[in-house]
C-alpha atoms as a PDB file:
ATOM      1  CA  MET A   1      84.554  78.393 154.377  1.00  0.00           C
ATOM      2  CA  VAL A   2      86.586  78.372 157.379  1.00  0.00           C
ATOM      3  CA  GLY A   3      85.908  75.179 159.259  1.00  0.00           C
ATOM      4  CA  HIS A   4      85.002  73.407 156.037  1.00  0.00           C
ATOM      5  CA  HIS A   5      86.094  69.503 156.488  1.00  0.00           C
ATOM      6  CA  TYR A   6      86.405  66.694 154.110  1.00  0.00           C
ATOM      7  CA  ARG A   7      87.955  63.353 154.398  1.00  0.00           C
ATOM      8  CA  VAL A   8      89.960  62.148 151.321  1.00  0.00           C
ATOM      9  CA  GLU A   9      87.958  59.428 149.563  1.00  0.00           C
ATOM     10  CA  ASP A  10      90.697  56.770 149.501  1.00  0.00           C
ATOM     11  CA  PHE A  11      93.559  55.846 151.667  1.00  0.00           C
ATOM     12  CA  TYR A  12      97.236  56.165 150.671  1.00  0.00           C
ATOM     13  CA  GLU A  13      99.012  52.744 151.079  1.00  0.00           C
ATOM     14  CA  VAL A  14     102.818  53.376 152.068  1.00  0.00           C
ATOM     15  CA  GLY A  15     104.831  51.162 149.661  1.00  0.00           C
ATOM     16  CA  ARG A  16     108.172  49.798 150.687  1.00  0.00           C
ATOM     17  CA  GLU A  17     109.810  51.263 147.551  1.00  0.00           C
ATOM     18  CA  LYS A  18     108.035  54.563 147.798  1.00  0.00           C
ATOM     19  CA  VAL A  19     109.828  55.002 151.210  1.00  0.00           C
ATOM     20  CA  ARG A  20     113.111  54.306 149.693  1.00  0.00           C
ATOM     21  CA  GLU A  21     112.528  56.551 146.741  1.00  0.00           C
ATOM     22  CA  TYR A  22     111.347  59.352 148.879  1.00  0.00           C
ATOM     23  CA  ALA A  23     114.290  58.912 151.277  1.00  0.00           C
ATOM     24  CA  ARG A  24     116.770  59.133 148.240  1.00  0.00           C
ATOM     25  CA  ALA A  25     114.893  62.320 146.945  1.00  0.00           C
ATOM     26  CA  VAL A  26     115.317  64.249 150.227  1.00  0.00           C
ATOM     27  CA  GLN A  27     118.784  62.701 150.686  1.00  0.00           C
ATOM     28  CA  ASP A  28     117.934  61.069 154.098  1.00  0.00           C
ATOM     29  CA  THR A  29     120.429  58.198 154.556  1.00  0.00           C
ATOM     30  CA  HIS A  30     119.048  56.613 157.823  1.00  0.00           C
ATOM     31  CA  PRO A  31     119.213  52.746 157.449  1.00  0.00           C
ATOM     32  CA  ALA A  32     115.672  52.401 158.706  1.00  0.00           C
ATOM     33  CA  HIS A  33     114.415  53.978 155.344  1.00  0.00           C
ATOM     34  CA  TYR A  34     116.283  51.392 153.291  1.00  0.00           C
ATOM     35  CA  ASP A  35     116.987  48.235 155.209  1.00  0.00           C
ATOM     36  CA  GLU A  36     114.089  46.287 156.842  1.00  0.00           C
ATOM     37  CA  SER A  37     116.508  44.523 159.419  1.00  0.00           C
ATOM     38  CA  ALA A  38     117.656  48.086 160.447  1.00  0.00           C
ATOM     39  CA  ALA A  39     113.857  49.110 160.855  1.00  0.00           C
ATOM     40  CA  LYS A  40     113.161  45.904 162.781  1.00  0.00           C
ATOM     41  CA  GLY A  41     116.183  46.504 165.139  1.00  0.00           C
ATOM     42  CA  LEU A  42     114.349  49.788 166.120  1.00  0.00           C
ATOM     43  CA  GLY A  43     111.271  47.907 166.772  1.00  0.00           C
ATOM     44  CA  TYR A  44     109.231  48.484 163.435  1.00  0.00           C
ATOM     45  CA  ASP A  45     107.595  45.922 161.176  1.00  0.00           C
ATOM     46  CA  GLY A  46     108.508  47.658 158.088  1.00  0.00           C
ATOM     47  CA  LEU A  47     110.750  50.442 156.662  1.00  0.00           C
ATOM     48  CA  VAL A  48     110.246  53.828 158.468  1.00  0.00           C
ATOM     49  CA  ALA A  49     109.311  56.637 156.252  1.00  0.00           C
ATOM     50  CA  PRO A  50     111.310  59.992 156.612  1.00  0.00           C
ATOM     51  CA  LEU A  51     109.492  62.657 158.629  1.00  0.00           C
ATOM     52  CA  THR A  52     108.335  64.702 155.762  1.00  0.00           C
ATOM     53  CA  PHE A  53     106.930  61.679 153.710  1.00  0.00           C
ATOM     54  CA  VAL A  54     103.436  62.914 154.773  1.00  0.00           C
ATOM     55  CA  SER A  55     103.864  65.798 152.178  1.00  0.00           C
ATOM     56  CA  ILE A  56     102.891  63.336 149.504  1.00  0.00           C
ATOM     57  CA  VAL A  57      99.558  62.615 151.224  1.00  0.00           C
ATOM     58  CA  GLY A  58      99.104  66.281 151.724  1.00  0.00           C
ATOM     59  CA  ALA A  59      99.726  67.389 148.160  1.00  0.00           C
ATOM     60  CA  ILE A  60      96.943  64.750 147.079  1.00  0.00           C
ATOM     61  CA  ALA A  61      94.603  65.896 149.992  1.00  0.00           C
ATOM     62  CA  GLN A  62      94.898  69.753 149.218  1.00  0.00           C
ATOM     63  CA  ARG A  63      94.364  69.249 145.563  1.00  0.00           C
ATOM     64  CA  ARG A  64      90.492  68.856 146.240  1.00  0.00           C
ATOM     65  CA  LEU A  65      90.535  71.871 148.424  1.00  0.00           C
ATOM     66  CA  PHE A  66      91.567  74.191 145.394  1.00  0.00           C
ATOM     67  CA  GLU A  67      89.605  72.218 142.902  1.00  0.00           C
ATOM     68  CA  GLU A  68      86.311  72.358 144.736  1.00  0.00           C
ATOM     69  CA  ILE A  69      86.176  74.547 147.856  1.00  0.00           C
ATOM     70  CA  VAL A  70      88.628  77.321 147.636  1.00  0.00           C
ATOM     71  CA  ILE A  71      88.259  77.965 144.064  1.00  0.00           C
ATOM     72  CA  GLY A  72      89.682  80.743 141.726  1.00  0.00           C
ATOM     73  CA  TYR A  73      93.388  80.281 142.445  1.00  0.00           C
ATOM     74  CA  ASP A  74      96.097  79.401 139.967  1.00  0.00           C
ATOM     75  CA  LEU A  75      98.202  77.057 141.574  1.00  0.00           C
ATOM     76  CA  SER A  76     101.285  78.778 140.002  1.00  0.00           C
ATOM     77  CA  GLN A  77     100.304  81.803 142.051  1.00  0.00           C
ATOM     78  CA  ILE A  78     100.083  80.017 145.427  1.00  0.00           C
ATOM     79  CA  MET A  79     102.989  79.955 147.696  1.00  0.00           C
ATOM     80  CA  GLN A  80     103.709  77.958 150.808  1.00  0.00           C
ATOM     81  CA  THR A  81     104.925  80.224 153.428  1.00  0.00           C
ATOM     82  CA  ASP A  82     104.836  78.011 156.610  1.00  0.00           C
ATOM     83  CA  GLN A  83     104.335  74.491 157.747  1.00  0.00           C
ATOM     84  CA  ARG A  84     103.904  73.038 161.160  1.00  0.00           C
ATOM     85  CA  LEU A  85     104.017  69.293 161.784  1.00  0.00           C
ATOM     86  CA  VAL A  86     103.084  67.297 164.912  1.00  0.00           C
ATOM     87  CA  PHE A  87     104.319  63.692 164.924  1.00  0.00           C
ATOM     88  CA  HIS A  88     102.283  61.287 166.782  1.00  0.00           C
ATOM     89  CA  LYS A  89     103.811  58.049 165.562  1.00  0.00           C
ATOM     90  CA  PRO A  90     106.154  56.974 162.703  1.00  0.00           C
ATOM     91  CA  ILE A  91     105.014  56.029 159.328  1.00  0.00           C
ATOM     92  CA  THR A  92     105.947  52.629 158.148  1.00  0.00           C
ATOM     93  CA  ALA A  93     105.727  50.703 154.992  1.00  0.00           C
ATOM     94  CA  GLY A  94     102.397  48.930 154.782  1.00  0.00           C
ATOM     95  CA  ASP A  95     100.490  51.694 156.651  1.00  0.00           C
ATOM     96  CA  ARG A  96      97.182  52.845 155.209  1.00  0.00           C
ATOM     97  CA  LEU A  97      96.938  56.480 155.712  1.00  0.00           C
ATOM     98  CA  PHE A  98      93.717  58.507 155.854  1.00  0.00           C
ATOM     99  CA  CYS A  99      93.513  62.219 155.568  1.00  0.00           C
ATOM    100  CA  ASP A 100      90.858  64.694 156.972  1.00  0.00           C
ATOM    101  CA  VAL A 101      91.438  68.049 155.553  1.00  0.00           C
ATOM    102  CA  TYR A 102      90.205  71.325 157.371  1.00  0.00           C
ATOM    103  CA  LEU A 103      90.155  74.844 156.147  1.00  0.00           C
ATOM    104  CA  ASP A 104      91.661  76.325 159.530  1.00  0.00           C
ATOM    105  CA  SER A 105      91.770  80.003 158.740  1.00  0.00           C
ATOM    106  CA  PHE A 106      91.413  82.589 155.863  1.00  0.00           C
ATOM    107  CA  ARG A 107      92.406  86.241 155.848  1.00  0.00           C
ATOM    108  CA  GLN A 108      93.238  88.836 153.400  1.00  0.00           C
ATOM    109  CA  VAL A 109      96.349  91.003 153.932  1.00  0.00           C
ATOM    110  CA  ALA A 110      97.799  93.496 151.308  1.00  0.00           C
ATOM    111  CA  GLY A 111      95.800  92.081 148.435  1.00  0.00           C
ATOM    112  CA  SER A 112      96.915  88.505 149.096  1.00  0.00           C
ATOM    113  CA  ASP A 113      94.892  85.786 150.665  1.00  0.00           C
ATOM    114  CA  ILE A 114      96.410  83.852 153.529  1.00  0.00           C
ATOM    115  CA  ILE A 115      95.110  80.331 153.854  1.00  0.00           C
ATOM    116  CA  VAL A 116      95.825  77.853 156.613  1.00  0.00           C
ATOM    117  CA  THR A 117      94.827  74.314 156.087  1.00  0.00           C
ATOM    118  CA  LYS A 118      95.115  71.458 158.697  1.00  0.00           C
ATOM    119  CA  ASN A 119      95.576  67.992 157.694  1.00  0.00           C
ATOM    120  CA  VAL A 120      94.899  65.108 160.393  1.00  0.00           C
ATOM    121  CA  ILE A 121      96.431  61.917 159.232  1.00  0.00           C
ATOM    122  CA  THR A 122      95.517  58.602 160.769  1.00  0.00           C
ATOM    123  CA  ASP A 123      96.349  55.100 159.932  1.00  0.00           C
ATOM    124  CA  GLN A 124      94.290  51.834 159.230  1.00  0.00           C
ATOM    125  CA  ASN A 125      93.822  51.446 163.023  1.00  0.00           C
ATOM    126  CA  ASP A 126      92.393  55.032 163.245  1.00  0.00           C
ATOM    127  CA  ASP A 127      95.614  55.826 165.322  1.00  0.00           C
ATOM    128  CA  LEU A 128      96.779  59.464 164.882  1.00  0.00           C
ATOM    129  CA  VAL A 129      99.823  59.404 162.894  1.00  0.00           C
ATOM    130  CA  GLN A 130     100.526  63.300 162.052  1.00  0.00           C
ATOM    131  CA  THR A 131      98.772  66.609 162.325  1.00  0.00           C
ATOM    132  CA  THR A 132     100.078  69.370 159.973  1.00  0.00           C
ATOM    133  CA  TRP A 133      99.217  73.114 159.497  1.00  0.00           C
ATOM    134  CA  THR A 134     100.082  74.569 156.093  1.00  0.00           C
ATOM    135  CA  THR A 135      99.989  78.307 155.452  1.00  0.00           C
ATOM    136  CA  LEU A 136      99.571  79.319 151.872  1.00  0.00           C
ATOM    137  CA  VAL A 137      99.482  82.720 150.269  1.00  0.00           C
ATOM    138  CA  GLY A 138      97.681  83.371 147.078  1.00  0.00           C
ATOM    139  CA  ARG A 139      95.885  85.725 144.828  1.00  0.00           C
ATOM    140  CA  THR A 140      92.876  85.380 142.665  1.00  0.00           C
ATOM    141  CA  GLY A 141      92.651  86.767 139.268  1.00  0.00           C
ATOM    142  CA  GLY A 142      95.563  88.527 137.552  1.00  0.00           C
ATOM    143  CA  GLU A 143      97.448  87.414 134.569  1.00  0.00           C
ATOM    144  CA  VAL A 144      99.496  84.284 134.715  1.00  0.00           C
ATOM    145  CA  ASP A 145     102.413  83.331 132.483  1.00  0.00           C
ATOM    146  CA  GLU A 146     101.196  80.424 130.522  1.00  0.00           C
ATOM    147  CA  ASN A 147     104.561  78.685 130.745  1.00  0.00           C
ATOM    148  CA  ILE A 148     104.632  78.834 134.555  1.00  0.00           C
ATOM    149  CA  ALA A 149     101.050  77.674 134.882  1.00  0.00           C
ATOM    150  CA  HIS A 150     101.919  74.538 132.827  1.00  0.00           C
ATOM    151  CA  ALA A 151     104.961  73.804 134.791  1.00  0.00           C
ATOM    152  CA  VAL A 152     103.171  74.100 138.114  1.00  0.00           C
ATOM    153  CA  LYS A 153     100.314  71.871 136.716  1.00  0.00           C
ATOM    154  CA  ASP A 154     102.887  69.136 135.614  1.00  0.00           C
ATOM    155  CA  VAL A 155     104.657  69.233 139.058  1.00  0.00           C
ATOM    156  CA  MET A 156     101.210  68.976 140.895  1.00  0.00           C
ATOM    157  CA  MET A 157     100.331  66.105 138.574  1.00  0.00           C
ATOM    158  CA  HIS A 158     103.629  64.272 139.366  1.00  0.00           C
ATOM    159  CA  VAL A 159     103.394  64.766 143.232  1.00  0.00           C
ATOM    160  CA  ALA A 160      99.718  63.492 143.157  1.00  0.00           C
ATOM    161  CA  SER A 161     100.615  60.425 141.186  1.00  0.00           C
END
């Protein structure tokens, strides 16, 4: 499975209000996230998204990975242990983001599976926006508390919406 690649079928269009909403959620008060004239003063045509805004795109992109490629995991039993982001250019309102997902590495340690994914985010001009590597630890099988499983499913559905 290592090396498996897919491109998310549809693009993610960055909305002005979504930038503001995300900035409030992560308590980032920089004016360029809220005020178009502040963003324009920095040389941007639209609001500038907070640096971690790409996590919205990543959650959508990785869903397919666990539904179709790396199957057998209950999402409530997967924990993100590390993430590395390389910023190539800012994300701004109006951008259309495309995501290529790669299964970068997979290994087993002490009964757990360590999965590293690589997401390459480009914009509508095919310019590189961000590259991210996410390390996840999970286990297949085993009993899962039904309440936890439902809670995680609800969170994932909310993030992907």
